[in-house]
Amino acid sequence: MPDGCSPQVISKPPANCAKARGYLFDPKSSSSWIDRGLNKMNGGDVGVGASLGYNTTAEFGIETIALGTTGPSLFNQTIAGFVDPKPMYL
């Protein structure tokens, strides 16, 4: 998500923040993104990333993803993007 390198999330983002994170995905620049809204990732310590201690809200959507520019494409994949520097910087 574009906010992944904003000063509101990381107090002093490194100059190469987007590259260090494997680049950032911006749903607004995608022609195949289908927004599914903001949802909590965990409820009652059950859900995506519960064992990692995540308790945050994520932006969910459906997207087409591909492996590189010539690799296979996967359609209708559920994607969740969240901006939270803790418990890890990924």
PDB file of N, CA and C in Angstrom:
ATOM      1  N   MET A   1       0.828  -1.171   0.000  1.00  0.00           N
ATOM      2  CA  MET A   1       0.000   0.000   0.000  1.00  0.00           C
ATOM      3  C   MET A   1       0.880   1.244   0.000  1.00  0.00           C
ATOM      4  N   PRO A   2       0.444   2.294  -0.650  1.00  0.00           N
ATOM      5  CA  PRO A   2       1.288   3.482  -0.779  1.00  0.00           C
ATOM      6  C   PRO A   2       1.680   4.102   0.561  1.00  0.00           C
ATOM      7  N   ASP A   3       0.844   3.933   1.582  1.00  0.00           N
ATOM      8  CA  ASP A   3       1.141   4.523   2.883  1.00  0.00           C
ATOM      9  C   ASP A   3       2.246   3.786   3.628  1.00  0.00           C
ATOM     10  N   GLY A   4       2.722   2.680   3.093  1.00  0.00           N
ATOM     11  CA  GLY A   4       3.715   1.849   3.772  1.00  0.00           C
ATOM     12  C   GLY A   4       5.030   2.551   4.056  1.00  0.00           C
ATOM     13  N   CYS A   5       5.273   3.677   3.421  1.00  0.00           N
ATOM     14  CA  CYS A   5       6.505   4.424   3.656  1.00  0.00           C
ATOM     15  C   CYS A   5       6.228   5.861   4.094  1.00  0.00           C
ATOM     16  N   SER A   6       5.025   6.123   4.577  1.00  0.00           N
ATOM     17  CA  SER A   6       4.694   7.481   4.990  1.00  0.00           C
ATOM     18  C   SER A   6       5.234   7.771   6.392  1.00  0.00           C
ATOM     19  N   PRO A   7       5.579   9.018   6.669  1.00  0.00           N
ATOM     20  CA  PRO A   7       6.062   9.386   8.001  1.00  0.00           C
ATOM     21  C   PRO A   7       5.027   9.164   9.102  1.00  0.00           C
ATOM     22  N   GLN A   8       3.749   9.061   8.747  1.00  0.00           N
ATOM     23  CA  GLN A   8       2.727   8.782   9.750  1.00  0.00           C
ATOM     24  C   GLN A   8       2.823   7.342  10.245  1.00  0.00           C
ATOM     25  N   VAL A   9       3.410   6.460   9.450  1.00  0.00           N
ATOM     26  CA  VAL A   9       3.541   5.052   9.805  1.00  0.00           C
ATOM     27  C   VAL A   9       4.938   4.752  10.338  1.00  0.00           C
ATOM     28  N   ILE A  10       5.943   5.229   9.634  1.00  0.00           N
ATOM     29  CA  ILE A  10       7.342   5.040  10.039  1.00  0.00           C
ATOM     30  C   ILE A  10       7.894   6.432  10.309  1.00  0.00           C
ATOM     31  N   SER A  11       8.287   6.695  11.537  1.00  0.00           N
ATOM     32  CA  SER A  11       8.680   8.060  11.901  1.00  0.00           C
ATOM     33  C   SER A  11       9.784   8.609  11.005  1.00  0.00           C
ATOM     34  N   LYS A  12      10.761   7.804  10.642  1.00  0.00           N
ATOM     35  CA  LYS A  12      11.830   8.240   9.744  1.00  0.00           C
ATOM     36  C   LYS A  12      12.031   7.163   8.670  1.00  0.00           C
ATOM     37  N   PRO A  13      11.184   7.165   7.619  1.00  0.00           N
ATOM     38  CA  PRO A  13      11.340   6.144   6.593  1.00  0.00           C
ATOM     39  C   PRO A  13      12.676   6.272   5.874  1.00  0.00           C
ATOM     40  N   PRO A  14      13.353   5.150   5.604  1.00  0.00           N
ATOM     41  CA  PRO A  14      14.616   5.227   4.876  1.00  0.00           C
ATOM     42  C   PRO A  14      14.386   5.733   3.454  1.00  0.00           C
ATOM     43  N   ALA A  15      15.415   6.292   2.859  1.00  0.00           N
ATOM     44  CA  ALA A  15      15.306   6.860   1.512  1.00  0.00           C
ATOM     45  C   ALA A  15      14.865   5.810   0.489  1.00  0.00           C
ATOM     46  N   ASN A  16      15.272   4.566   0.695  1.00  0.00           N
ATOM     47  CA  ASN A  16      14.929   3.493  -0.235  1.00  0.00           C
ATOM     48  C   ASN A  16      13.775   2.632   0.292  1.00  0.00           C
ATOM     49  N   CYS A  17      12.873   3.216   1.050  1.00  0.00           N
ATOM     50  CA  CYS A  17      11.815   2.481   1.741  1.00  0.00           C
ATOM     51  C   CYS A  17      10.997   1.588   0.803  1.00  0.00           C
ATOM     52  N   ALA A  18      10.498   2.139  -0.284  1.00  0.00           N
ATOM     53  CA  ALA A  18       9.663   1.341  -1.193  1.00  0.00           C
ATOM     54  C   ALA A  18      10.442   0.164  -1.761  1.00  0.00           C
ATOM     55  N   LYS A  19      11.667   0.398  -2.177  1.00  0.00           N
ATOM     56  CA  LYS A  19      12.489  -0.691  -2.720  1.00  0.00           C
ATOM     57  C   LYS A  19      12.807  -1.726  -1.642  1.00  0.00           C
ATOM     58  N   ALA A  20      13.096  -1.263  -0.439  1.00  0.00           N
ATOM     59  CA  ALA A  20      13.423  -2.171   0.659  1.00  0.00           C
ATOM     60  C   ALA A  20      12.239  -3.067   1.017  1.00  0.00           C
ATOM     61  N   ARG A  21      11.043  -2.594   0.783  1.00  0.00           N
ATOM     62  CA  ARG A  21       9.842  -3.380   1.081  1.00  0.00           C
ATOM     63  C   ARG A  21       9.391  -4.221  -0.109  1.00  0.00           C
ATOM     64  N   GLY A  22      10.181  -4.241  -1.166  1.00  0.00           N
ATOM     65  CA  GLY A  22       9.779  -4.996  -2.354  1.00  0.00           C
ATOM     66  C   GLY A  22       8.828  -4.203  -3.231  1.00  0.00           C
ATOM     67  N   TYR A  23       8.884  -2.882  -3.085  1.00  0.00           N
ATOM     68  CA  TYR A  23       8.031  -1.927  -3.780  1.00  0.00           C
ATOM     69  C   TYR A  23       6.627  -1.929  -3.177  1.00  0.00           C
ATOM     70  N   LEU A  24       5.838  -0.946  -3.542  1.00  0.00           N
ATOM     71  CA  LEU A  24       4.527  -0.750  -2.942  1.00  0.00           C
ATOM     72  C   LEU A  24       3.438  -0.945  -3.988  1.00  0.00           C
ATOM     73  N   PHE A  25       2.322  -1.484  -3.566  1.00  0.00           N
ATOM     74  CA  PHE A  25       1.183  -1.689  -4.447  1.00  0.00           C
ATOM     75  C   PHE A  25       0.176  -0.577  -4.219  1.00  0.00           C
ATOM     76  N   ASP A  26      -0.243   0.060  -5.290  1.00  0.00           N
ATOM     77  CA  ASP A  26      -1.252   1.106  -5.203  1.00  0.00           C
ATOM     78  C   ASP A  26      -2.506   0.643  -5.953  1.00  0.00           C
ATOM     79  N   PRO A  27      -3.562   0.263  -5.221  1.00  0.00           N
ATOM     80  CA  PRO A  27      -4.768  -0.229  -5.884  1.00  0.00           C
ATOM     81  C   PRO A  27      -5.363   0.753  -6.889  1.00  0.00           C
ATOM     82  N   LYS A  28      -5.147   2.048  -6.674  1.00  0.00           N
ATOM     83  CA  LYS A  28      -5.714   3.055  -7.576  1.00  0.00           C
ATOM     84  C   LYS A  28      -5.072   3.003  -8.962  1.00  0.00           C
ATOM     85  N   SER A  29      -3.868   2.435  -9.057  1.00  0.00           N
ATOM     86  CA  SER A  29      -3.192   2.359 -10.350  1.00  0.00           C
ATOM     87  C   SER A  29      -3.437   1.021 -11.054  1.00  0.00           C
ATOM     88  N   SER A  30      -4.252   0.163 -10.476  1.00  0.00           N
ATOM     89  CA  SER A  30      -4.536  -1.149 -11.053  1.00  0.00           C
ATOM     90  C   SER A  30      -5.847  -1.125 -11.840  1.00  0.00           C
ATOM     91  N   SER A  31      -5.843  -1.767 -12.999  1.00  0.00           N
ATOM     92  CA  SER A  31      -7.063  -1.846 -13.801  1.00  0.00           C
ATOM     93  C   SER A  31      -7.923  -3.045 -13.418  1.00  0.00           C
ATOM     94  N   SER A  32      -7.386  -3.955 -12.581  1.00  0.00           N
ATOM     95  CA  SER A  32      -8.137  -5.164 -12.244  1.00  0.00           C
ATOM     96  C   SER A  32      -8.509  -5.261 -10.758  1.00  0.00           C
ATOM     97  N   TRP A  33      -8.188  -4.248  -9.960  1.00  0.00           N
ATOM     98  CA  TRP A  33      -8.487  -4.260  -8.520  1.00  0.00           C
ATOM     99  C   TRP A  33      -9.982  -4.132  -8.285  1.00  0.00           C
ATOM    100  N   ILE A  34     -10.534  -5.009  -7.449  1.00  0.00           N
ATOM    101  CA  ILE A  34     -11.931  -4.928  -7.023  1.00  0.00           C
ATOM    102  C   ILE A  34     -11.915  -4.738  -5.512  1.00  0.00           C
ATOM    103  N   ASP A  35     -12.289  -3.563  -5.070  1.00  0.00           N
ATOM    104  CA  ASP A  35     -12.235  -3.219  -3.652  1.00  0.00           C
ATOM    105  C   ASP A  35     -13.266  -4.008  -2.848  1.00  0.00           C
ATOM    106  N   ARG A  36     -12.832  -4.547  -1.706  1.00  0.00           N
ATOM    107  CA  ARG A  36     -13.725  -5.267  -0.804  1.00  0.00           C
ATOM    108  C   ARG A  36     -13.785  -4.602   0.563  1.00  0.00           C
ATOM    109  N   GLY A  37     -13.166  -3.425   0.686  1.00  0.00           N
ATOM    110  CA  GLY A  37     -13.314  -2.620   1.887  1.00  0.00           C
ATOM    111  C   GLY A  37     -12.319  -2.920   2.994  1.00  0.00           C
ATOM    112  N   LEU A  38     -12.455  -2.156   4.068  1.00  0.00           N
ATOM    113  CA  LEU A  38     -11.613  -2.304   5.251  1.00  0.00           C
ATOM    114  C   LEU A  38     -12.240  -3.314   6.194  1.00  0.00           C
ATOM    115  N   ASN A  39     -11.433  -4.241   6.662  1.00  0.00           N
ATOM    116  CA  ASN A  39     -11.899  -5.268   7.590  1.00  0.00           C
ATOM    117  C   ASN A  39     -10.806  -5.562   8.602  1.00  0.00           C
ATOM    118  N   LYS A  40     -11.214  -5.957   9.794  1.00  0.00           N
ATOM    119  CA  LYS A  40     -10.247  -6.366  10.811  1.00  0.00           C
ATOM    120  C   LYS A  40      -9.600  -7.666  10.363  1.00  0.00           C
ATOM    121  N   MET A  41      -8.307  -7.799  10.622  1.00  0.00           N
ATOM    122  CA  MET A  41      -7.599  -9.019  10.251  1.00  0.00           C
ATOM    123  C   MET A  41      -7.840 -10.142  11.246  1.00  0.00           C
ATOM    124  N   ASN A  42      -8.092  -9.809  12.486  1.00  0.00           N
ATOM    125  CA  ASN A  42      -8.271 -10.818  13.531  1.00  0.00           C
ATOM    126  C   ASN A  42      -9.474 -10.464  14.382  1.00  0.00           C
ATOM    127  N   GLY A  43     -10.102 -11.495  14.884  1.00  0.00           N
ATOM    128  CA  GLY A  43     -11.186 -11.323  15.833  1.00  0.00           C
ATOM    129  C   GLY A  43     -11.079 -12.408  16.885  1.00  0.00           C
ATOM    130  N   GLY A  44     -10.868 -12.043  18.120  1.00  0.00           N
ATOM    131  CA  GLY A  44     -10.713 -13.038  19.177  1.00  0.00           C
ATOM    132  C   GLY A  44      -9.479 -13.902  18.997  1.00  0.00           C
ATOM    133  N   ASP A  45      -8.398 -13.302  18.517  1.00  0.00           N
ATOM    134  CA  ASP A  45      -7.130 -13.998  18.286  1.00  0.00           C
ATOM    135  C   ASP A  45      -7.239 -15.114  17.258  1.00  0.00           C
ATOM    136  N   VAL A  46      -8.192 -15.026  16.350  1.00  0.00           N
ATOM    137  CA  VAL A  46      -8.336 -16.004  15.279  1.00  0.00           C
ATOM    138  C   VAL A  46      -8.365 -15.245  13.963  1.00  0.00           C
ATOM    139  N   GLY A  47      -7.593 -15.688  12.993  1.00  0.00           N
ATOM    140  CA  GLY A  47      -7.614 -15.049  11.681  1.00  0.00           C
ATOM    141  C   GLY A  47      -6.226 -14.904  11.110  1.00  0.00           C
ATOM    142  N   VAL A  48      -6.151 -14.145  10.013  1.00  0.00           N
ATOM    143  CA  VAL A  48      -4.895 -13.951   9.307  1.00  0.00           C
ATOM    144  C   VAL A  48      -3.878 -13.291  10.227  1.00  0.00           C
ATOM    145  N   GLY A  49      -2.766 -13.937  10.463  1.00  0.00           N
ATOM    146  CA  GLY A  49      -1.694 -13.363  11.251  1.00  0.00           C
ATOM    147  C   GLY A  49      -1.919 -13.340  12.742  1.00  0.00           C
ATOM    148  N   ALA A  50      -2.929 -14.033  13.259  1.00  0.00           N
ATOM    149  CA  ALA A  50      -3.204 -14.004  14.696  1.00  0.00           C
ATOM    150  C   ALA A  50      -2.002 -14.500  15.495  1.00  0.00           C
ATOM    151  N   SER A  51      -1.346 -15.535  15.002  1.00  0.00           N
ATOM    152  CA  SER A  51      -0.193 -16.078  15.728  1.00  0.00           C
ATOM    153  C   SER A  51       0.993 -15.122  15.708  1.00  0.00           C
ATOM    154  N   LEU A  52       0.971 -14.139  14.810  1.00  0.00           N
ATOM    155  CA  LEU A  52       2.045 -13.141  14.753  1.00  0.00           C
ATOM    156  C   LEU A  52       1.721 -11.899  15.584  1.00  0.00           C
ATOM    157  N   GLY A  53       0.545 -11.865  16.169  1.00  0.00           N
ATOM    158  CA  GLY A  53       0.180 -10.737  17.013  1.00  0.00           C
ATOM    159  C   GLY A  53      -0.462  -9.580  16.276  1.00  0.00           C
ATOM    160  N   TYR A  54      -0.862  -9.773  15.031  1.00  0.00           N
ATOM    161  CA  TYR A  54      -1.520  -8.692  14.309  1.00  0.00           C
ATOM    162  C   TYR A  54      -2.931  -8.475  14.843  1.00  0.00           C
ATOM    163  N   ASN A  55      -3.248  -7.239  15.072  1.00  0.00           N
ATOM    164  CA  ASN A  55      -4.599  -6.854  15.456  1.00  0.00           C
ATOM    165  C   ASN A  55      -4.842  -5.505  14.814  1.00  0.00           C
ATOM    166  N   THR A  56      -5.028  -5.531  13.513  1.00  0.00           N
ATOM    167  CA  THR A  56      -5.121  -4.301  12.754  1.00  0.00           C
ATOM    168  C   THR A  56      -6.190  -4.430  11.680  1.00  0.00           C
ATOM    169  N   THR A  57      -6.490  -3.334  11.049  1.00  0.00           N
ATOM    170  CA  THR A  57      -7.439  -3.307   9.948  1.00  0.00           C
ATOM    171  C   THR A  57      -6.672  -3.349   8.643  1.00  0.00           C
ATOM    172  N   ALA A  58      -7.194  -4.083   7.677  1.00  0.00           N
ATOM    173  CA  ALA A  58      -6.544  -4.191   6.378  1.00  0.00           C
ATOM    174  C   ALA A  58      -7.522  -3.812   5.279  1.00  0.00           C
ATOM    175  N   GLU A  59      -6.972  -3.325   4.175  1.00  0.00           N
ATOM    176  CA  GLU A  59      -7.765  -3.039   2.985  1.00  0.00           C
ATOM    177  C   GLU A  59      -7.763  -4.303   2.130  1.00  0.00           C
ATOM    178  N   PHE A  60      -8.926  -4.894   1.935  1.00  0.00           N
ATOM    179  CA  PHE A  60      -9.045  -6.132   1.179  1.00  0.00           C
ATOM    180  C   PHE A  60      -9.565  -5.864  -0.225  1.00  0.00           C
ATOM    181  N   GLY A  61      -9.136  -6.710  -1.145  1.00  0.00           N
ATOM    182  CA  GLY A  61      -9.631  -6.612  -2.504  1.00  0.00           C
ATOM    183  C   GLY A  61      -9.318  -7.878  -3.280  1.00  0.00           C
ATOM    184  N   ILE A  62      -9.836  -7.942  -4.476  1.00  0.00           N
ATOM    185  CA  ILE A  62      -9.599  -9.040  -5.404  1.00  0.00           C
ATOM    186  C   ILE A  62      -8.710  -8.486  -6.512  1.00  0.00           C
ATOM    187  N   GLU A  63      -7.682  -9.243  -6.882  1.00  0.00           N
ATOM    188  CA  GLU A  63      -6.701  -8.746  -7.842  1.00  0.00           C
ATOM    189  C   GLU A  63      -6.158  -9.888  -8.692  1.00  0.00           C
ATOM    190  N   THR A  64      -5.669  -9.554  -9.863  1.00  0.00           N
ATOM    191  CA  THR A  64      -4.916 -10.477 -10.702  1.00  0.00           C
ATOM    192  C   THR A  64      -3.448 -10.279 -10.373  1.00  0.00           C
ATOM    193  N   ILE A  65      -2.753 -11.366 -10.064  1.00  0.00           N
ATOM    194  CA  ILE A  65      -1.330 -11.272  -9.758  1.00  0.00           C
ATOM    195  C   ILE A  65      -0.563 -12.152 -10.735  1.00  0.00           C
ATOM    196  N   ALA A  66       0.702 -11.831 -10.934  1.00  0.00           N
ATOM    197  CA  ALA A  66       1.534 -12.590 -11.862  1.00  0.00           C
ATOM    198  C   ALA A  66       2.929 -12.746 -11.292  1.00  0.00           C
ATOM    199  N   LEU A  67       3.599 -13.774 -11.723  1.00  0.00           N
ATOM    200  CA  LEU A  67       4.988 -14.004 -11.340  1.00  0.00           C
ATOM    201  C   LEU A  67       5.878 -13.386 -12.412  1.00  0.00           C
ATOM    202  N   GLY A  68       6.409 -12.209 -12.121  1.00  0.00           N
ATOM    203  CA  GLY A  68       7.227 -11.497 -13.101  1.00  0.00           C
ATOM    204  C   GLY A  68       6.384 -10.962 -14.242  1.00  0.00           C
ATOM    205  N   THR A  69       7.040 -10.606 -15.327  1.00  0.00           N
ATOM    206  CA  THR A  69       6.318 -10.052 -16.474  1.00  0.00           C
ATOM    207  C   THR A  69       5.931 -11.114 -17.491  1.00  0.00           C
ATOM    208  N   THR A  70       6.550 -12.288 -17.405  1.00  0.00           N
ATOM    209  CA  THR A  70       6.237 -13.345 -18.371  1.00  0.00           C
ATOM    210  C   THR A  70       5.717 -14.616 -17.712  1.00  0.00           C
ATOM    211  N   GLY A  71       5.636 -14.624 -16.384  1.00  0.00           N
ATOM    212  CA  GLY A  71       5.186 -15.814 -15.670  1.00  0.00           C
ATOM    213  C   GLY A  71       3.679 -15.978 -15.700  1.00  0.00           C
ATOM    214  N   PRO A  72       3.180 -17.014 -15.080  1.00  0.00           N
ATOM    215  CA  PRO A  72       1.739 -17.260 -15.078  1.00  0.00           C
ATOM    216  C   PRO A  72       0.984 -16.208 -14.268  1.00  0.00           C
ATOM    217  N   SER A  73      -0.264 -15.983 -14.644  1.00  0.00           N
ATOM    218  CA  SER A  73      -1.137 -15.054 -13.927  1.00  0.00           C
ATOM    219  C   SER A  73      -2.167 -15.836 -13.138  1.00  0.00           C
ATOM    220  N   LEU A  74      -2.503 -15.320 -11.983  1.00  0.00           N
ATOM    221  CA  LEU A  74      -3.538 -15.907 -11.129  1.00  0.00           C
ATOM    222  C   LEU A  74      -4.648 -14.873 -10.989  1.00  0.00           C
ATOM    223  N   PHE A  75      -5.851 -15.248 -11.343  1.00  0.00           N
ATOM    224  CA  PHE A  75      -6.979 -14.335 -11.341  1.00  0.00           C
ATOM    225  C   PHE A  75      -7.791 -14.485 -10.054  1.00  0.00           C
ATOM    226  N   ASN A  76      -8.486 -13.411  -9.688  1.00  0.00           N
ATOM    227  CA  ASN A  76      -9.403 -13.407  -8.539  1.00  0.00           C
ATOM    228  C   ASN A  76      -8.729 -13.828  -7.233  1.00  0.00           C
ATOM    229  N   GLN A  77      -7.570 -13.268  -6.961  1.00  0.00           N
ATOM    230  CA  GLN A  77      -6.836 -13.569  -5.734  1.00  0.00           C
ATOM    231  C   GLN A  77      -7.185 -12.547  -4.662  1.00  0.00           C
ATOM    232  N   THR A  78      -7.410 -13.021  -3.443  1.00  0.00           N
ATOM    233  CA  THR A  78      -7.702 -12.124  -2.328  1.00  0.00           C
ATOM    234  C   THR A  78      -6.400 -11.498  -1.853  1.00  0.00           C
ATOM    235  N   ILE A  79      -6.384 -10.182  -1.794  1.00  0.00           N
ATOM    236  CA  ILE A  79      -5.214  -9.425  -1.366  1.00  0.00           C
ATOM    237  C   ILE A  79      -5.622  -8.574  -0.164  1.00  0.00           C
ATOM    238  N   ALA A  80      -4.755  -8.527   0.845  1.00  0.00           N
ATOM    239  CA  ALA A  80      -4.985  -7.666   2.003  1.00  0.00           C
ATOM    240  C   ALA A  80      -3.744  -6.808   2.203  1.00  0.00           C
ATOM    241  N   GLY A  81      -3.945  -5.524   2.263  1.00  0.00           N
ATOM    242  CA  GLY A  81      -2.846  -4.604   2.514  1.00  0.00           C
ATOM    243  C   GLY A  81      -3.085  -3.881   3.820  1.00  0.00           C
ATOM    244  N   PHE A  82      -2.049  -3.854   4.666  1.00  0.00           N
ATOM    245  CA  PHE A  82      -2.173  -3.120   5.917  1.00  0.00           C
ATOM    246  C   PHE A  82      -0.894  -2.359   6.163  1.00  0.00           C
ATOM    247  N   VAL A  83      -1.028  -1.273   6.890  1.00  0.00           N
ATOM    248  CA  VAL A  83       0.098  -0.396   7.182  1.00  0.00           C
ATOM    249  C   VAL A  83       0.286  -0.391   8.683  1.00  0.00           C
ATOM    250  N   ASP A  84       1.297  -1.110   9.127  1.00  0.00           N
ATOM    251  CA  ASP A  84       1.568  -1.232  10.556  1.00  0.00           C
ATOM    252  C   ASP A  84       3.038  -1.599  10.722  1.00  0.00           C
ATOM    253  N   PRO A  85       3.866  -0.711  11.268  1.00  0.00           N
ATOM    254  CA  PRO A  85       5.297  -1.007  11.366  1.00  0.00           C
ATOM    255  C   PRO A  85       5.628  -2.070  12.407  1.00  0.00           C
ATOM    256  N   LYS A  86       4.681  -2.415  13.253  1.00  0.00           N
ATOM    257  CA  LYS A  86       4.917  -3.422  14.279  1.00  0.00           C
ATOM    258  C   LYS A  86       3.904  -4.536  14.118  1.00  0.00           C
ATOM    259  N   PRO A  87       4.174  -5.753  14.340  1.00  0.00           N
ATOM    260  CA  PRO A  87       5.362  -6.271  14.993  1.00  0.00           C
ATOM    261  C   PRO A  87       6.564  -6.449  14.090  1.00  0.00           C
ATOM    262  N   MET A  88       6.438  -6.216  12.777  1.00  0.00           N
ATOM    263  CA  MET A  88       7.619  -6.326  11.922  1.00  0.00           C
ATOM    264  C   MET A  88       7.532  -5.382  10.753  1.00  0.00           C
ATOM    265  N   TYR A  89       8.684  -5.035  10.238  1.00  0.00           N
ATOM    266  CA  TYR A  89       8.803  -4.214   9.045  1.00  0.00           C
ATOM    267  C   TYR A  89       9.006  -5.175   7.892  1.00  0.00           C
ATOM    268  N   LEU A  90       8.033  -5.251   6.978  1.00  0.00           N
ATOM    269  CA  LEU A  90       8.092  -6.205   5.877  1.00  0.00           C
ATOM    270  C   LEU A  90       8.054  -5.491   4.565  1.00  0.00           C
TER     271      LEU A  90
END
